[in-house]
């Protein structure tokens, strides 16, 4: 009986590990897609520069400005 419980625990641990690995692989693929797109990288850099230079508005103001 104990070996069946141990096997179930091992299977559950393996499944949990595989799910985490799948999430990590998906995240890595998303990162690679962003990093391989020059236009996206340019937009990110521009956005970071806007933040650094204080060219930002509060979220509530953004919503109003865009009709939400």
PDB file of N, CA and C in Angstrom:
ATOM      1  N   UNK A   1       0.824  -1.204   0.000  1.00  0.00           N
ATOM      2  CA  UNK A   1       0.000   0.000   0.000  1.00  0.00           C
ATOM      3  C   UNK A   1       0.861   1.259   0.000  1.00  0.00           C
ATOM      4  N   UNK A   2       1.933   1.261   0.787  1.00  0.00           N
ATOM      5  CA  UNK A   2       2.799   2.435   0.848  1.00  0.00           C
ATOM      6  C   UNK A   2       3.471   2.709  -0.481  1.00  0.00           C
ATOM      7  N   UNK A   3       3.811   1.660  -1.229  1.00  0.00           N
ATOM      8  CA  UNK A   3       4.490   1.888  -2.509  1.00  0.00           C
ATOM      9  C   UNK A   3       3.546   2.551  -3.516  1.00  0.00           C
ATOM     10  N   UNK A   4       2.260   2.258  -3.441  1.00  0.00           N
ATOM     11  CA  UNK A   4       1.285   2.899  -4.337  1.00  0.00           C
ATOM     12  C   UNK A   4       1.195   4.389  -3.997  1.00  0.00           C
ATOM     13  N   UNK A   5       1.166   4.717  -2.728  1.00  0.00           N
ATOM     14  CA  UNK A   5       1.114   6.117  -2.298  1.00  0.00           C
ATOM     15  C   UNK A   5       2.387   6.834  -2.721  1.00  0.00           C
ATOM     16  N   UNK A   6       3.532   6.173  -2.550  1.00  0.00           N
ATOM     17  CA  UNK A   6       4.808   6.763  -2.950  1.00  0.00           C
ATOM     18  C   UNK A   6       4.853   6.989  -4.460  1.00  0.00           C
ATOM     19  N   UNK A   7       4.320   6.036  -5.223  1.00  0.00           N
ATOM     20  CA  UNK A   7       4.276   6.196  -6.675  1.00  0.00           C
ATOM     21  C   UNK A   7       3.368   7.360  -7.062  1.00  0.00           C
ATOM     22  N   UNK A   8       2.212   7.469  -6.406  1.00  0.00           N
ATOM     23  CA  UNK A   8       1.297   8.579  -6.672  1.00  0.00           C
ATOM     24  C   UNK A   8       1.969   9.922  -6.365  1.00  0.00           C
ATOM     25  N   UNK A   9       2.686   9.974  -5.238  1.00  0.00           N
ATOM     26  CA  UNK A   9       3.392  11.201  -4.871  1.00  0.00           C
ATOM     27  C   UNK A   9       4.462  11.539  -5.907  1.00  0.00           C
ATOM     28  N   UNK A  10       5.191  10.531  -6.356  1.00  0.00           N
ATOM     29  CA  UNK A  10       6.237  10.752  -7.358  1.00  0.00           C
ATOM     30  C   UNK A  10       5.625  11.245  -8.667  1.00  0.00           C
ATOM     31  N   UNK A  11       4.506  10.666  -9.052  1.00  0.00           N
ATOM     32  CA  UNK A  11       3.829  11.093 -10.282  1.00  0.00           C
ATOM     33  C   UNK A  11       3.346  12.535 -10.134  1.00  0.00           C
ATOM     34  N   UNK A  12       2.771  12.859  -8.996  1.00  0.00           N
ATOM     35  CA  UNK A  12       2.291  14.231  -8.766  1.00  0.00           C
ATOM     36  C   UNK A  12       3.440  15.232  -8.784  1.00  0.00           C
ATOM     37  N   UNK A  13       4.559  14.863  -8.186  1.00  0.00           N
ATOM     38  CA  UNK A  13       5.737  15.733  -8.197  1.00  0.00           C
ATOM     39  C   UNK A  13       6.229  15.917  -9.624  1.00  0.00           C
ATOM     40  N   UNK A  14       6.284  14.826 -10.386  1.00  0.00           N
ATOM     41  CA  UNK A  14       6.736  14.896 -11.777  1.00  0.00           C
ATOM     42  C   UNK A  14       5.800  15.766 -12.610  1.00  0.00           C
ATOM     43  N   UNK A  15       4.498  15.595 -12.440  1.00  0.00           N
ATOM     44  CA  UNK A  15       3.536  16.418 -13.185  1.00  0.00           C
ATOM     45  C   UNK A  15       3.670  17.895 -12.827  1.00  0.00           C
ATOM     46  N   UNK A  16       3.841  18.189 -11.556  1.00  0.00           N
ATOM     47  CA  UNK A  16       4.027  19.575 -11.131  1.00  0.00           C
ATOM     48  C   UNK A  16       5.289  20.178 -11.729  1.00  0.00           C
ATOM     49  N   UNK A  17       6.351  19.380 -11.746  1.00  0.00           N
ATOM     50  CA  UNK A  17       7.611  19.842 -12.322  1.00  0.00           C
ATOM     51  C   UNK A  17       7.464  20.091 -13.817  1.00  0.00           C
ATOM     52  N   UNK A  18       6.777  19.199 -14.511  1.00  0.00           N
ATOM     53  CA  UNK A  18       6.561  19.369 -15.948  1.00  0.00           C
ATOM     54  C   UNK A  18       5.718  20.610 -16.248  1.00  0.00           C
ATOM     55  N   UNK A  19       4.721  20.879 -15.421  1.00  0.00           N
ATOM     56  CA  UNK A  19       3.897  22.081 -15.608  1.00  0.00           C
ATOM     57  C   UNK A  19       4.742  23.343 -15.435  1.00  0.00           C
ATOM     58  N   UNK A  20       5.598  23.342 -14.411  1.00  0.00           N
ATOM     59  CA  UNK A  20       6.475  24.496 -14.195  1.00  0.00           C
ATOM     60  C   UNK A  20       7.446  24.654 -15.362  1.00  0.00           C
ATOM     61  N   UNK A  21       7.981  23.553 -15.826  1.00  0.00           N
ATOM     62  CA  UNK A  21       8.907  23.585 -16.960  1.00  0.00           C
ATOM     63  C   UNK A  21       8.211  24.125 -18.205  1.00  0.00           C
ATOM     64  N   UNK A  22       6.981  23.694 -18.426  1.00  0.00           N
ATOM     65  CA  UNK A  22       6.206  24.184 -19.569  1.00  0.00           C
ATOM     66  C   UNK A  22       6.017  25.703 -19.473  1.00  0.00           C
ATOM     67  N   UNK A  23       5.708  26.196 -18.274  1.00  0.00           N
ATOM     68  CA  UNK A  23       5.547  27.639 -18.070  1.00  0.00           C
ATOM     69  C   UNK A  23       6.851  28.377 -18.360  1.00  0.00           C
ATOM     70  N   UNK A  24       7.971  27.819 -17.894  1.00  0.00           N
ATOM     71  CA  UNK A  24       9.271  28.450 -18.114  1.00  0.00           C
ATOM     72  C   UNK A  24       9.633  28.467 -19.601  1.00  0.00           C
ATOM     73  N   UNK A  25       9.349  27.386 -20.292  1.00  0.00           N
ATOM     74  CA  UNK A  25       9.633  27.328 -21.733  1.00  0.00           C
ATOM     75  C   UNK A  25       8.779  28.349 -22.473  1.00  0.00           C
ATOM     76  N   UNK A  26       7.514  28.434 -22.121  1.00  0.00           N
ATOM     77  CA  UNK A  26       6.617  29.407 -22.761  1.00  0.00           C
ATOM     78  C   UNK A  26       7.104  30.835 -22.514  1.00  0.00           C
ATOM     79  N   UNK A  27       7.545  31.100 -21.293  1.00  0.00           N
ATOM     80  CA  UNK A  27       8.066  32.420 -20.965  1.00  0.00           C
ATOM     81  C   UNK A  27       9.332  32.728 -21.763  1.00  0.00           C
ATOM     82  N   UNK A  28      10.204  31.740 -21.900  1.00  0.00           N
ATOM     83  CA  UNK A  28      11.438  31.926 -22.670  1.00  0.00           C
ATOM     84  C   UNK A  28      11.123  32.199 -24.142  1.00  0.00           C
ATOM     85  N   UNK A  29      10.154  31.492 -24.692  1.00  0.00           N
ATOM     86  CA  UNK A  29       9.751  31.711 -26.085  1.00  0.00           C
ATOM     87  C   UNK A  29       9.202  33.127 -26.256  1.00  0.00           C
ATOM     88  N   UNK A  30       8.365  33.571 -25.323  1.00  0.00           N
ATOM     89  CA  UNK A  30       7.828  34.934 -25.387  1.00  0.00           C
ATOM     90  C   UNK A  30       8.957  35.957 -25.350  1.00  0.00           C
ATOM     91  N   UNK A  31       9.924  35.737 -24.468  1.00  0.00           N
ATOM     92  CA  UNK A  31      11.064  36.648 -24.357  1.00  0.00           C
ATOM     93  C   UNK A  31      11.860  36.679 -25.654  1.00  0.00           C
ATOM     94  N   UNK A  32      12.109  35.515 -26.234  1.00  0.00           N
ATOM     95  CA  UNK A  32      12.852  35.462 -27.493  1.00  0.00           C
ATOM     96  C   UNK A  32      12.110  36.182 -28.617  1.00  0.00           C
ATOM     97  N   UNK A  33      10.790  36.058 -28.642  1.00  0.00           N
ATOM     98  CA  UNK A  33      10.007  36.744 -29.664  1.00  0.00           C
ATOM     99  C   UNK A  33      10.157  38.258 -29.528  1.00  0.00           C
ATOM    100  N   UNK A  34      10.099  38.749 -28.292  1.00  0.00           N
ATOM    101  CA  UNK A  34      10.254  40.190 -28.068  1.00  0.00           C
ATOM    102  C   UNK A  34      11.670  40.626 -28.436  1.00  0.00           C
ATOM    103  N   UNK A  35      12.656  39.870 -27.979  1.00  0.00           N
ATOM    104  CA  UNK A  35      14.051  40.249 -28.199  1.00  0.00           C
ATOM    105  C   UNK A  35      14.458  40.181 -29.674  1.00  0.00           C
ATOM    106  N   UNK A  36      13.721  39.428 -30.467  1.00  0.00           N
ATOM    107  CA  UNK A  36      14.083  39.305 -31.883  1.00  0.00           C
ATOM    108  C   UNK A  36      13.329  40.287 -32.772  1.00  0.00           C
ATOM    109  N   UNK A  37      12.491  41.124 -32.170  1.00  0.00           N
ATOM    110  CA  UNK A  37      11.717  42.097 -32.941  1.00  0.00           C
ATOM    111  C   UNK A  37      12.279  43.498 -32.709  1.00  0.00           C
ATOM    112  N   UNK A  38      13.035  44.029 -33.668  1.00  0.00           N
ATOM    113  CA  UNK A  38      13.664  45.347 -33.492  1.00  0.00           C
ATOM    114  C   UNK A  38      12.666  46.463 -33.199  1.00  0.00           C
ATOM    115  N   UNK A  39      11.502  46.421 -33.826  1.00  0.00           N
ATOM    116  CA  UNK A  39      10.495  47.468 -33.609  1.00  0.00           C
ATOM    117  C   UNK A  39       9.992  47.434 -32.163  1.00  0.00           C
ATOM    118  N   UNK A  40       9.743  46.253 -31.640  1.00  0.00           N
ATOM    119  CA  UNK A  40       9.292  46.132 -30.248  1.00  0.00           C
ATOM    120  C   UNK A  40      10.365  46.628 -29.292  1.00  0.00           C
ATOM    121  N   UNK A  41      11.612  46.245 -29.525  1.00  0.00           N
ATOM    122  CA  UNK A  41      12.709  46.705 -28.667  1.00  0.00           C
ATOM    123  C   UNK A  41      12.844  48.228 -28.710  1.00  0.00           C
ATOM    124  N   UNK A  42      12.680  48.807 -29.891  1.00  0.00           N
ATOM    125  CA  UNK A  42      12.744  50.264 -30.041  1.00  0.00           C
ATOM    126  C   UNK A  42      11.633  50.923 -29.229  1.00  0.00           C
ATOM    127  N   UNK A  43      10.422  50.360 -29.315  1.00  0.00           N
ATOM    128  CA  UNK A  43       9.291  50.923 -28.571  1.00  0.00           C
ATOM    129  C   UNK A  43       9.492  50.805 -27.061  1.00  0.00           C
ATOM    130  N   UNK A  44      10.038  49.692 -26.625  1.00  0.00           N
ATOM    131  CA  UNK A  44      10.320  49.523 -25.196  1.00  0.00           C
ATOM    132  C   UNK A  44      11.343  50.559 -24.743  1.00  0.00           C
ATOM    133  N   UNK A  45      12.400  50.722 -25.521  1.00  0.00           N
ATOM    134  CA  UNK A  45      13.440  51.695 -25.174  1.00  0.00           C
ATOM    135  C   UNK A  45      12.866  53.113 -25.122  1.00  0.00           C
ATOM    136  N   UNK A  46      12.024  53.458 -26.089  1.00  0.00           N
ATOM    137  CA  UNK A  46      11.397  54.779 -26.085  1.00  0.00           C
ATOM    138  C   UNK A  46      10.505  54.963 -24.856  1.00  0.00           C
ATOM    139  N   UNK A  47       9.773  53.936 -24.507  1.00  0.00           N
ATOM    140  CA  UNK A  47       8.916  54.011 -23.327  1.00  0.00           C
ATOM    141  C   UNK A  47       9.718  54.179 -22.047  1.00  0.00           C
ATOM    142  N   UNK A  48      10.812  53.449 -21.935  1.00  0.00           N
ATOM    143  CA  UNK A  48      11.670  53.588 -20.752  1.00  0.00           C
ATOM    144  C   UNK A  48      12.283  54.981 -20.680  1.00  0.00           C
ATOM    145  N   UNK A  49      12.663  55.524 -21.835  1.00  0.00           N
ATOM    146  CA  UNK A  49      13.197  56.889 -21.861  1.00  0.00           C
ATOM    147  C   UNK A  49      12.123  57.903 -21.461  1.00  0.00           C
ATOM    148  N   UNK A  50      10.884  57.687 -21.912  1.00  0.00           N
ATOM    149  CA  UNK A  50       9.783  58.573 -21.515  1.00  0.00           C
ATOM    150  C   UNK A  50       9.617  58.567 -19.997  1.00  0.00           C
ATOM    151  N   UNK A  51       9.670  57.393 -19.404  1.00  0.00           N
ATOM    152  CA  UNK A  51       9.532  57.285 -17.945  1.00  0.00           C
ATOM    153  C   UNK A  51      10.689  58.010 -17.271  1.00  0.00           C
ATOM    154  N   UNK A  52      11.896  57.757 -17.746  1.00  0.00           N
ATOM    155  CA  UNK A  52      13.094  58.370 -17.175  1.00  0.00           C
ATOM    156  C   UNK A  52      13.034  59.892 -17.239  1.00  0.00           C
ATOM    157  N   UNK A  53      12.503  60.424 -18.343  1.00  0.00           N
ATOM    158  CA  UNK A  53      12.439  61.870 -18.549  1.00  0.00           C
ATOM    159  C   UNK A  53      11.169  62.493 -17.964  1.00  0.00           C
ATOM    160  N   UNK A  54      10.320  61.665 -17.362  1.00  0.00           N
ATOM    161  CA  UNK A  54       9.113  62.191 -16.720  1.00  0.00           C
ATOM    162  C   UNK A  54       7.965  62.474 -17.665  1.00  0.00           C
ATOM    163  N   UNK A  55       8.029  61.937 -18.867  1.00  0.00           N
ATOM    164  CA  UNK A  55       6.949  62.147 -19.839  1.00  0.00           C
ATOM    165  C   UNK A  55       5.873  61.068 -19.627  1.00  0.00           C
ATOM    166  N   UNK A  56       5.204  61.183 -18.493  1.00  0.00           N
ATOM    167  CA  UNK A  56       4.173  60.206 -18.144  1.00  0.00           C
ATOM    168  C   UNK A  56       2.943  60.946 -17.627  1.00  0.00           C
ATOM    169  N   UNK A  57       1.810  60.240 -17.626  1.00  0.00           N
ATOM    170  CA  UNK A  57       0.592  60.788 -17.043  1.00  0.00           C
ATOM    171  C   UNK A  57      -0.009  59.705 -16.144  1.00  0.00           C
ATOM    172  N   UNK A  58      -0.791  60.119 -15.141  1.00  0.00           N
ATOM    173  CA  UNK A  58      -1.450  59.116 -14.287  1.00  0.00           C
ATOM    174  C   UNK A  58      -2.403  58.235 -15.103  1.00  0.00           C
ATOM    175  N   UNK A  59      -2.587  57.009 -14.663  1.00  0.00           N
ATOM    176  CA  UNK A  59      -3.426  56.053 -15.383  1.00  0.00           C
ATOM    177  C   UNK A  59      -4.838  56.580 -15.569  1.00  0.00           C
ATOM    178  N   UNK A  60      -5.378  57.211 -14.540  1.00  0.00           N
ATOM    179  CA  UNK A  60      -6.740  57.747 -14.627  1.00  0.00           C
ATOM    180  C   UNK A  60      -6.835  58.781 -15.743  1.00  0.00           C
ATOM    181  N   UNK A  61      -5.799  59.618 -15.859  1.00  0.00           N
ATOM    182  CA  UNK A  61      -5.775  60.627 -16.921  1.00  0.00           C
ATOM    183  C   UNK A  61      -5.686  59.969 -18.306  1.00  0.00           C
ATOM    184  N   UNK A  62      -4.911  58.900 -18.393  1.00  0.00           N
ATOM    185  CA  UNK A  62      -4.807  58.143 -19.644  1.00  0.00           C
ATOM    186  C   UNK A  62      -6.177  57.616 -20.062  1.00  0.00           C
ATOM    187  N   UNK A  63      -6.912  57.053 -19.096  1.00  0.00           N
ATOM    188  CA  UNK A  63      -8.238  56.497 -19.396  1.00  0.00           C
ATOM    189  C   UNK A  63      -9.173  57.591 -19.910  1.00  0.00           C
ATOM    190  N   UNK A  64      -9.168  58.737 -19.263  1.00  0.00           N
ATOM    191  CA  UNK A  64     -10.021  59.839 -19.680  1.00  0.00           C
ATOM    192  C   UNK A  64      -9.620  60.311 -21.069  1.00  0.00           C
ATOM    193  N   UNK A  65      -8.310  60.471 -21.288  1.00  0.00           N
ATOM    194  CA  UNK A  65      -7.813  60.961 -22.565  1.00  0.00           C
ATOM    195  C   UNK A  65      -8.214  60.056 -23.714  1.00  0.00           C
ATOM    196  N   UNK A  66      -8.322  58.752 -23.446  1.00  0.00           N
ATOM    197  CA  UNK A  66      -8.648  57.786 -24.499  1.00  0.00           C
ATOM    198  C   UNK A  66     -10.101  57.310 -24.441  1.00  0.00           C
ATOM    199  N   UNK A  67     -10.916  58.041 -23.720  1.00  0.00           N
ATOM    200  CA  UNK A  67     -12.360  57.811 -23.736  1.00  0.00           C
ATOM    201  C   UNK A  67     -12.861  56.606 -22.959  1.00  0.00           C
ATOM    202  N   UNK A  68     -12.146  56.245 -21.923  1.00  0.00           N
ATOM    203  CA  UNK A  68     -12.630  55.119 -21.115  1.00  0.00           C
ATOM    204  C   UNK A  68     -13.320  55.642 -19.914  1.00  0.00           C
TER     205      UNK A  68
END
